[in-house]
């Protein structure tokens, strides 16, 4: 709570620091989940490029509005680091409605103890939103 107290004190003196209570005042209205997705092949990446028309690093956050969790993904320029090998491929993802049952699992993202059960294999999650076959490669979710 110390960070919130500091932000509260600073925002009372400088209005351009916003209203921190907007975020911690009602956690249920403001929570979301983020995770990284690392693929061990290019199949999902290629499908995302085909689906979005954006090469890695050229597009903004891609949101799947039909997702019950309102998932989004961003794929940075690859390789993300200068000396990084071409595989694995990292990307970042978020979900806003984490208490809702998922599209491919009958539980909320918040209830999933293993992200893999929520967003991998077959067609669930992000692979399911970008099209068939995109979830057939090995992915690591953190």
N, C-alpha and C. Protein backbone atom coordinates (compact mmCIF):
# COMPACT_ATOMS: atom_id res chain seq x y z
N UNK A 1 0.82 -1.19 0.00
CA UNK A 1 0.00 0.00 0.00
C UNK A 1 0.86 1.26 0.00
N UNK A 2 2.15 1.11 0.28
CA UNK A 2 3.04 2.28 0.33
C UNK A 2 3.08 3.00 -1.02
N UNK A 3 3.10 2.25 -2.12
CA UNK A 3 3.14 2.88 -3.45
C UNK A 3 1.87 3.69 -3.69
N UNK A 4 0.72 3.16 -3.26
CA UNK A 4 -0.53 3.91 -3.44
C UNK A 4 -0.51 5.17 -2.60
N UNK A 5 0.00 5.09 -1.38
CA UNK A 5 0.08 6.26 -0.50
C UNK A 5 0.96 7.34 -1.11
N UNK A 6 2.08 6.92 -1.66
CA UNK A 6 2.98 7.88 -2.31
C UNK A 6 2.28 8.55 -3.48
N UNK A 7 1.64 7.76 -4.33
CA UNK A 7 0.93 8.31 -5.49
C UNK A 7 -0.17 9.27 -5.03
N UNK A 8 -0.91 8.89 -3.98
CA UNK A 8 -1.95 9.77 -3.43
C UNK A 8 -1.36 11.12 -3.02
N UNK A 9 -0.26 11.08 -2.25
CA UNK A 9 0.36 12.32 -1.76
C UNK A 9 0.84 13.20 -2.93
N UNK A 10 1.50 12.57 -3.89
CA UNK A 10 2.02 13.33 -5.04
C UNK A 10 0.87 13.91 -5.86
N UNK A 11 -0.18 13.13 -6.08
CA UNK A 11 -1.29 13.60 -6.93
C UNK A 11 -2.07 14.73 -6.28
N UNK A 12 -2.07 14.81 -4.95
CA UNK A 12 -2.74 15.94 -4.28
C UNK A 12 -1.98 17.25 -4.52
N UNK A 13 -0.67 17.14 -4.72
CA UNK A 13 0.16 18.33 -4.95
C UNK A 13 0.28 18.68 -6.43
N UNK A 14 0.18 17.67 -7.29
CA UNK A 14 0.34 17.88 -8.74
C UNK A 14 -0.77 17.13 -9.47
N UNK A 15 -1.77 17.85 -9.91
CA UNK A 15 -2.96 17.23 -10.52
C UNK A 15 -2.63 16.42 -11.78
N UNK A 16 -1.52 16.72 -12.44
CA UNK A 16 -1.18 15.96 -13.64
C UNK A 16 -0.73 14.53 -13.33
N UNK A 17 -0.66 14.15 -12.06
CA UNK A 17 -0.37 12.77 -11.68
C UNK A 17 -1.63 11.92 -11.60
N UNK A 18 -2.76 12.50 -11.96
CA UNK A 18 -3.99 11.74 -12.06
C UNK A 18 -4.67 11.46 -10.73
N UNK A 19 -5.57 10.46 -10.78
CA UNK A 19 -6.37 10.07 -9.61
C UNK A 19 -6.12 8.60 -9.30
N UNK A 20 -5.17 8.31 -8.43
CA UNK A 20 -4.82 6.91 -8.15
C UNK A 20 -5.99 6.10 -7.61
N UNK A 21 -6.93 6.74 -6.90
CA UNK A 21 -8.07 6.01 -6.35
C UNK A 21 -8.92 5.38 -7.44
N UNK A 22 -8.85 5.91 -8.64
CA UNK A 22 -9.57 5.31 -9.77
C UNK A 22 -9.13 3.86 -9.97
N UNK A 23 -7.87 3.57 -9.68
CA UNK A 23 -7.33 2.23 -9.91
C UNK A 23 -7.45 1.33 -8.69
N UNK A 24 -7.16 1.83 -7.50
CA UNK A 24 -7.21 0.96 -6.34
C UNK A 24 -8.52 1.06 -5.57
N UNK A 25 -9.37 2.02 -5.93
CA UNK A 25 -10.64 2.20 -5.23
C UNK A 25 -11.64 1.08 -5.48
N UNK A 26 -11.59 0.47 -6.66
CA UNK A 26 -12.48 -0.65 -6.97
C UNK A 26 -11.72 -1.63 -7.85
N UNK A 27 -11.03 -2.53 -7.23
CA UNK A 27 -10.16 -3.46 -7.95
C UNK A 27 -10.94 -4.30 -8.95
N UNK A 28 -12.15 -4.75 -8.60
CA UNK A 28 -12.93 -5.58 -9.53
C UNK A 28 -13.22 -4.87 -10.85
N UNK A 29 -13.32 -3.57 -10.85
CA UNK A 29 -13.59 -2.83 -12.08
C UNK A 29 -12.32 -2.51 -12.86
N UNK A 30 -11.16 -2.72 -12.26
CA UNK A 30 -9.92 -2.28 -12.88
C UNK A 30 -8.89 -3.37 -13.10
N UNK A 31 -9.19 -4.60 -12.72
CA UNK A 31 -8.16 -5.64 -12.84
C UNK A 31 -8.08 -6.18 -14.26
N UNK A 32 -6.92 -6.67 -14.59
CA UNK A 32 -6.66 -7.30 -15.87
C UNK A 32 -5.47 -8.22 -15.70
N UNK A 33 -5.20 -9.02 -16.68
CA UNK A 33 -4.09 -9.96 -16.59
C UNK A 33 -3.21 -9.81 -17.82
N UNK A 34 -1.93 -9.90 -17.60
CA UNK A 34 -1.00 -9.90 -18.73
C UNK A 34 -0.16 -11.16 -18.65
N UNK A 35 0.31 -11.59 -19.80
CA UNK A 35 1.16 -12.76 -19.84
C UNK A 35 2.04 -12.69 -21.07
N UNK A 36 3.13 -13.41 -21.03
CA UNK A 36 3.99 -13.51 -22.21
C UNK A 36 3.71 -14.83 -22.89
N UNK A 37 3.91 -14.82 -24.16
CA UNK A 37 3.70 -16.00 -25.00
C UNK A 37 4.98 -16.19 -25.79
N UNK A 38 5.59 -17.35 -25.65
CA UNK A 38 6.82 -17.64 -26.37
C UNK A 38 6.59 -18.88 -27.22
N UNK A 39 6.66 -18.73 -28.53
CA UNK A 39 6.44 -19.87 -29.41
C UNK A 39 7.77 -20.49 -29.80
N UNK A 40 7.73 -21.78 -30.06
CA UNK A 40 8.94 -22.53 -30.43
C UNK A 40 9.01 -22.77 -31.94
N UNK A 41 8.16 -22.10 -32.67
CA UNK A 41 8.15 -22.18 -34.12
C UNK A 41 7.50 -20.93 -34.68
N UNK A 42 7.37 -20.85 -36.00
CA UNK A 42 6.83 -19.63 -36.63
C UNK A 42 5.37 -19.77 -37.03
N UNK A 43 4.75 -20.89 -36.79
CA UNK A 43 3.39 -21.13 -37.27
C UNK A 43 2.39 -20.10 -36.71
N UNK A 44 2.38 -19.89 -35.41
CA UNK A 44 1.46 -18.92 -34.82
C UNK A 44 1.81 -17.51 -35.29
N UNK A 45 3.09 -17.16 -35.30
CA UNK A 45 3.51 -15.84 -35.76
C UNK A 45 3.06 -15.60 -37.21
N UNK A 46 3.27 -16.58 -38.07
CA UNK A 46 2.85 -16.44 -39.47
C UNK A 46 1.34 -16.24 -39.57
N UNK A 47 0.58 -16.95 -38.75
CA UNK A 47 -0.88 -16.81 -38.77
C UNK A 47 -1.31 -15.44 -38.27
N UNK A 48 -0.62 -14.92 -37.25
CA UNK A 48 -0.92 -13.58 -36.74
C UNK A 48 -0.65 -12.54 -37.83
N UNK A 49 0.47 -12.69 -38.54
CA UNK A 49 0.79 -11.76 -39.64
C UNK A 49 -0.27 -11.84 -40.73
N UNK A 50 -0.66 -13.05 -41.09
CA UNK A 50 -1.70 -13.23 -42.11
C UNK A 50 -3.03 -12.63 -41.66
N UNK A 51 -3.37 -12.85 -40.41
CA UNK A 51 -4.64 -12.37 -39.86
C UNK A 51 -4.68 -10.85 -39.78
N UNK A 52 -3.56 -10.25 -39.31
CA UNK A 52 -3.54 -8.81 -39.05
C UNK A 52 -2.99 -7.97 -40.19
N UNK A 53 -2.16 -8.57 -41.03
CA UNK A 53 -1.50 -7.81 -42.09
C UNK A 53 -0.29 -7.04 -41.58
N UNK A 54 0.08 -7.25 -40.32
CA UNK A 54 1.21 -6.53 -39.72
C UNK A 54 2.38 -7.47 -39.48
N UNK A 55 3.54 -7.08 -39.98
CA UNK A 55 4.76 -7.81 -39.65
C UNK A 55 5.12 -7.48 -38.20
N UNK A 56 5.82 -8.37 -37.50
CA UNK A 56 6.20 -8.10 -36.11
C UNK A 56 6.91 -6.75 -35.98
N UNK A 57 6.48 -5.98 -34.99
CA UNK A 57 7.08 -4.69 -34.73
C UNK A 57 6.50 -3.54 -35.54
N UNK A 58 5.58 -3.82 -36.47
CA UNK A 58 5.03 -2.74 -37.30
C UNK A 58 3.62 -2.36 -36.90
N UNK A 59 2.95 -3.19 -36.16
CA UNK A 59 1.57 -2.90 -35.78
C UNK A 59 1.46 -2.62 -34.29
N UNK A 60 0.33 -2.14 -33.93
CA UNK A 60 0.07 -1.86 -32.52
C UNK A 60 -0.55 -3.10 -31.87
N UNK A 61 -1.07 -2.91 -30.70
CA UNK A 61 -1.78 -3.97 -29.99
C UNK A 61 -2.94 -4.47 -30.85
N UNK A 62 -3.06 -5.77 -31.01
CA UNK A 62 -4.14 -6.37 -31.79
C UNK A 62 -5.14 -6.97 -30.81
N UNK A 63 -6.35 -6.44 -30.78
CA UNK A 63 -7.38 -6.88 -29.84
C UNK A 63 -8.38 -7.77 -30.55
N UNK A 64 -8.82 -8.81 -29.87
CA UNK A 64 -9.83 -9.72 -30.39
C UNK A 64 -11.15 -9.36 -29.71
N UNK A 65 -11.96 -8.47 -30.31
CA UNK A 65 -13.18 -8.00 -29.64
C UNK A 65 -14.20 -9.11 -29.39
N UNK A 66 -14.14 -10.20 -30.15
CA UNK A 66 -15.08 -11.30 -29.94
C UNK A 66 -14.67 -12.19 -28.78
N UNK A 67 -13.48 -12.00 -28.23
CA UNK A 67 -13.00 -12.80 -27.11
C UNK A 67 -13.78 -12.44 -25.85
N UNK A 68 -14.25 -13.45 -25.14
CA UNK A 68 -14.96 -13.21 -23.88
C UNK A 68 -14.05 -12.57 -22.85
N UNK A 69 -12.75 -12.79 -22.97
CA UNK A 69 -11.79 -12.19 -22.05
C UNK A 69 -11.27 -10.85 -22.59
N UNK A 70 -11.69 -10.46 -23.78
CA UNK A 70 -11.19 -9.29 -24.50
C UNK A 70 -9.65 -9.32 -24.51
N UNK A 71 -9.13 -10.37 -25.15
CA UNK A 71 -7.69 -10.57 -25.22
C UNK A 71 -7.08 -9.70 -26.31
N UNK A 72 -5.84 -9.31 -26.05
CA UNK A 72 -5.05 -8.54 -27.01
C UNK A 72 -3.65 -9.14 -27.04
N UNK A 73 -2.95 -8.94 -28.16
CA UNK A 73 -1.58 -9.42 -28.28
C UNK A 73 -0.77 -8.37 -29.04
N UNK A 74 0.48 -8.29 -28.71
CA UNK A 74 1.40 -7.45 -29.46
C UNK A 74 2.65 -8.29 -29.72
N UNK A 75 3.10 -8.26 -30.96
CA UNK A 75 4.29 -9.01 -31.35
C UNK A 75 5.37 -7.99 -31.71
N UNK A 76 6.41 -7.88 -30.89
CA UNK A 76 7.46 -6.91 -31.17
C UNK A 76 8.31 -7.32 -32.37
N UNK A 77 9.10 -6.39 -32.83
CA UNK A 77 10.05 -6.68 -33.90
C UNK A 77 10.87 -7.90 -33.51
N UNK A 78 11.11 -8.79 -34.45
CA UNK A 78 11.86 -10.01 -34.19
C UNK A 78 13.19 -9.99 -34.95
N UNK A 79 14.27 -10.38 -34.37
CA UNK A 79 14.38 -10.77 -32.97
C UNK A 79 14.25 -9.55 -32.06
N UNK A 80 13.67 -9.77 -30.91
CA UNK A 80 13.40 -8.68 -29.98
C UNK A 80 14.70 -8.07 -29.45
N UNK A 81 15.70 -8.88 -29.22
CA UNK A 81 17.01 -8.41 -28.80
C UNK A 81 18.02 -8.71 -29.89
N UNK A 82 19.02 -7.87 -30.04
CA UNK A 82 19.97 -7.96 -31.13
C UNK A 82 20.60 -9.34 -31.28
N UNK A 83 21.04 -9.93 -30.19
CA UNK A 83 21.73 -11.22 -30.27
C UNK A 83 20.81 -12.42 -30.02
N UNK A 84 19.53 -12.19 -30.11
CA UNK A 84 18.55 -13.26 -29.84
C UNK A 84 18.39 -14.17 -31.07
N UNK A 85 18.31 -15.48 -30.85
CA UNK A 85 18.06 -16.38 -31.99
C UNK A 85 16.66 -16.15 -32.59
N UNK A 86 16.46 -16.59 -33.82
CA UNK A 86 15.17 -16.39 -34.49
C UNK A 86 14.04 -17.16 -33.81
N UNK A 87 14.36 -18.25 -33.16
CA UNK A 87 13.39 -19.04 -32.40
C UNK A 87 13.97 -19.20 -31.00
N UNK A 88 13.29 -18.98 -29.94
CA UNK A 88 11.85 -18.77 -29.78
C UNK A 88 11.43 -17.33 -30.09
N UNK A 89 10.13 -17.15 -30.23
CA UNK A 89 9.56 -15.85 -30.57
C UNK A 89 8.70 -15.37 -29.40
N UNK A 90 9.10 -14.26 -28.75
CA UNK A 90 8.31 -13.75 -27.63
C UNK A 90 7.25 -12.75 -28.08
N UNK A 91 6.17 -12.70 -27.37
CA UNK A 91 5.15 -11.67 -27.58
C UNK A 91 4.46 -11.44 -26.24
N UNK A 92 3.68 -10.40 -26.17
CA UNK A 92 2.97 -10.09 -24.94
C UNK A 92 1.48 -10.08 -25.19
N UNK A 93 0.71 -10.43 -24.17
CA UNK A 93 -0.74 -10.47 -24.32
C UNK A 93 -1.40 -9.99 -23.03
N UNK A 94 -2.63 -9.52 -23.17
CA UNK A 94 -3.42 -9.07 -22.03
C UNK A 94 -4.84 -9.57 -22.16
N UNK A 95 -5.55 -9.58 -21.05
CA UNK A 95 -6.98 -9.90 -21.03
C UNK A 95 -7.64 -8.97 -20.01
N UNK A 96 -8.77 -8.40 -20.37
CA UNK A 96 -9.45 -7.46 -19.48
C UNK A 96 -10.54 -8.09 -18.62
N UNK A 97 -11.29 -9.03 -19.17
CA UNK A 97 -12.42 -9.60 -18.44
C UNK A 97 -12.05 -10.97 -17.88
N UNK A 98 -11.13 -10.97 -16.93
CA UNK A 98 -10.53 -12.23 -16.47
C UNK A 98 -11.45 -13.04 -15.57
N UNK A 99 -12.57 -12.48 -15.14
CA UNK A 99 -13.51 -13.23 -14.30
C UNK A 99 -14.62 -13.89 -15.10
N UNK A 100 -14.64 -13.67 -16.41
CA UNK A 100 -15.66 -14.27 -17.29
C UNK A 100 -15.20 -15.66 -17.73
N UNK A 101 -16.14 -16.59 -17.97
CA UNK A 101 -15.76 -17.88 -18.56
C UNK A 101 -15.14 -17.64 -19.94
N UNK A 102 -14.18 -18.46 -20.29
CA UNK A 102 -13.47 -18.28 -21.56
C UNK A 102 -14.24 -18.79 -22.76
N UNK A 103 -13.69 -18.52 -23.92
CA UNK A 103 -14.28 -19.00 -25.17
C UNK A 103 -14.07 -20.50 -25.36
N UNK A 104 -12.94 -21.01 -24.87
CA UNK A 104 -12.57 -22.39 -25.13
C UNK A 104 -12.44 -23.23 -23.87
N UNK A 105 -12.58 -22.61 -22.72
CA UNK A 105 -12.61 -23.33 -21.44
C UNK A 105 -13.77 -22.78 -20.63
N UNK A 106 -14.40 -23.63 -19.83
CA UNK A 106 -15.57 -23.21 -19.07
C UNK A 106 -15.17 -22.74 -17.67
N UNK A 107 -14.18 -21.87 -17.62
CA UNK A 107 -13.80 -21.24 -16.37
C UNK A 107 -13.15 -19.91 -16.70
N UNK A 108 -13.06 -19.06 -15.69
CA UNK A 108 -12.47 -17.75 -15.92
C UNK A 108 -10.95 -17.86 -16.01
N UNK A 109 -10.34 -16.86 -16.60
CA UNK A 109 -8.88 -16.84 -16.66
C UNK A 109 -8.32 -16.77 -15.23
N UNK A 110 -8.99 -16.04 -14.36
CA UNK A 110 -8.54 -15.93 -12.97
C UNK A 110 -8.56 -17.29 -12.26
N UNK A 111 -9.43 -18.20 -12.69
CA UNK A 111 -9.52 -19.53 -12.08
C UNK A 111 -8.51 -20.52 -12.64
N UNK A 112 -7.94 -20.20 -13.78
CA UNK A 112 -6.99 -21.12 -14.40
C UNK A 112 -5.70 -21.13 -13.61
N UNK A 113 -5.30 -22.31 -13.16
CA UNK A 113 -4.06 -22.41 -12.42
C UNK A 113 -2.87 -22.59 -13.35
N UNK A 114 -3.12 -22.99 -14.55
CA UNK A 114 -2.08 -23.17 -15.56
C UNK A 114 -2.57 -22.46 -16.82
N UNK A 115 -1.88 -21.39 -17.20
CA UNK A 115 -2.31 -20.62 -18.37
C UNK A 115 -2.45 -21.50 -19.60
N UNK A 116 -1.65 -22.57 -19.68
CA UNK A 116 -1.72 -23.45 -20.83
C UNK A 116 -3.13 -24.04 -20.97
N UNK A 117 -3.81 -24.29 -19.85
CA UNK A 117 -5.16 -24.84 -19.92
C UNK A 117 -6.15 -23.84 -20.48
N UNK A 118 -5.78 -22.57 -20.46
CA UNK A 118 -6.69 -21.52 -20.94
C UNK A 118 -6.42 -21.10 -22.37
N UNK A 119 -5.17 -21.10 -22.79
CA UNK A 119 -4.86 -20.44 -24.05
C UNK A 119 -3.97 -21.23 -25.00
N UNK A 120 -3.93 -22.55 -24.91
CA UNK A 120 -3.08 -23.27 -25.86
C UNK A 120 -3.72 -24.56 -26.33
N UNK A 121 -3.11 -25.15 -27.30
CA UNK A 121 -3.45 -26.46 -27.86
C UNK A 121 -4.78 -26.49 -28.60
N UNK A 122 -4.77 -27.03 -29.78
CA UNK A 122 -5.96 -27.15 -30.59
C UNK A 122 -6.32 -25.82 -31.20
N UNK A 123 -7.24 -25.10 -30.57
CA UNK A 123 -7.57 -23.77 -31.07
C UNK A 123 -7.88 -22.75 -29.99
N UNK A 124 -7.73 -23.06 -28.70
CA UNK A 124 -8.11 -22.09 -27.68
C UNK A 124 -7.31 -20.79 -27.72
N UNK A 125 -7.87 -19.81 -27.05
CA UNK A 125 -7.20 -18.55 -26.80
C UNK A 125 -6.75 -17.84 -28.05
N UNK A 126 -5.57 -17.27 -27.99
CA UNK A 126 -5.06 -16.49 -29.11
C UNK A 126 -4.98 -17.33 -30.38
N UNK A 127 -4.45 -18.55 -30.35
CA UNK A 127 -4.46 -19.34 -31.58
C UNK A 127 -5.86 -19.51 -32.15
N UNK A 128 -6.86 -19.68 -31.32
CA UNK A 128 -8.22 -19.85 -31.81
C UNK A 128 -8.77 -18.60 -32.46
N UNK A 129 -8.33 -17.44 -32.01
CA UNK A 129 -8.84 -16.19 -32.58
C UNK A 129 -8.18 -15.83 -33.89
N UNK A 130 -6.99 -16.36 -34.18
CA UNK A 130 -6.34 -16.03 -35.45
C UNK A 130 -6.52 -17.11 -36.50
N UNK A 131 -7.14 -18.22 -36.17
CA UNK A 131 -7.50 -19.19 -37.19
C UNK A 131 -7.00 -20.59 -36.95
N UNK A 132 -7.56 -21.52 -37.74
CA UNK A 132 -7.24 -22.94 -37.57
C UNK A 132 -5.77 -23.24 -37.82
N UNK A 133 -5.27 -24.17 -37.02
CA UNK A 133 -3.89 -24.62 -37.20
C UNK A 133 -2.87 -23.77 -36.49
N UNK A 134 -3.27 -22.60 -36.01
CA UNK A 134 -2.30 -21.69 -35.39
C UNK A 134 -1.85 -22.17 -34.03
N UNK A 135 -2.61 -23.05 -33.39
CA UNK A 135 -2.24 -23.50 -32.05
C UNK A 135 -1.56 -24.85 -32.04
N UNK A 136 -1.09 -25.32 -33.19
CA UNK A 136 -0.53 -26.66 -33.25
C UNK A 136 0.93 -26.74 -32.84
N UNK A 137 1.61 -25.59 -32.70
CA UNK A 137 3.00 -25.63 -32.29
C UNK A 137 3.12 -25.49 -30.78
N UNK A 138 4.31 -25.76 -30.27
CA UNK A 138 4.53 -25.66 -28.82
C UNK A 138 4.66 -24.20 -28.41
N UNK A 139 3.89 -23.81 -27.41
CA UNK A 139 3.94 -22.45 -26.88
C UNK A 139 4.16 -22.53 -25.39
N UNK A 140 4.87 -21.56 -24.85
CA UNK A 140 5.05 -21.43 -23.41
C UNK A 140 4.30 -20.18 -22.97
N UNK A 141 3.50 -20.30 -21.94
CA UNK A 141 2.73 -19.17 -21.42
C UNK A 141 3.20 -18.89 -20.02
N UNK A 142 3.44 -17.64 -19.70
CA UNK A 142 3.89 -17.24 -18.36
C UNK A 142 3.03 -16.11 -17.87
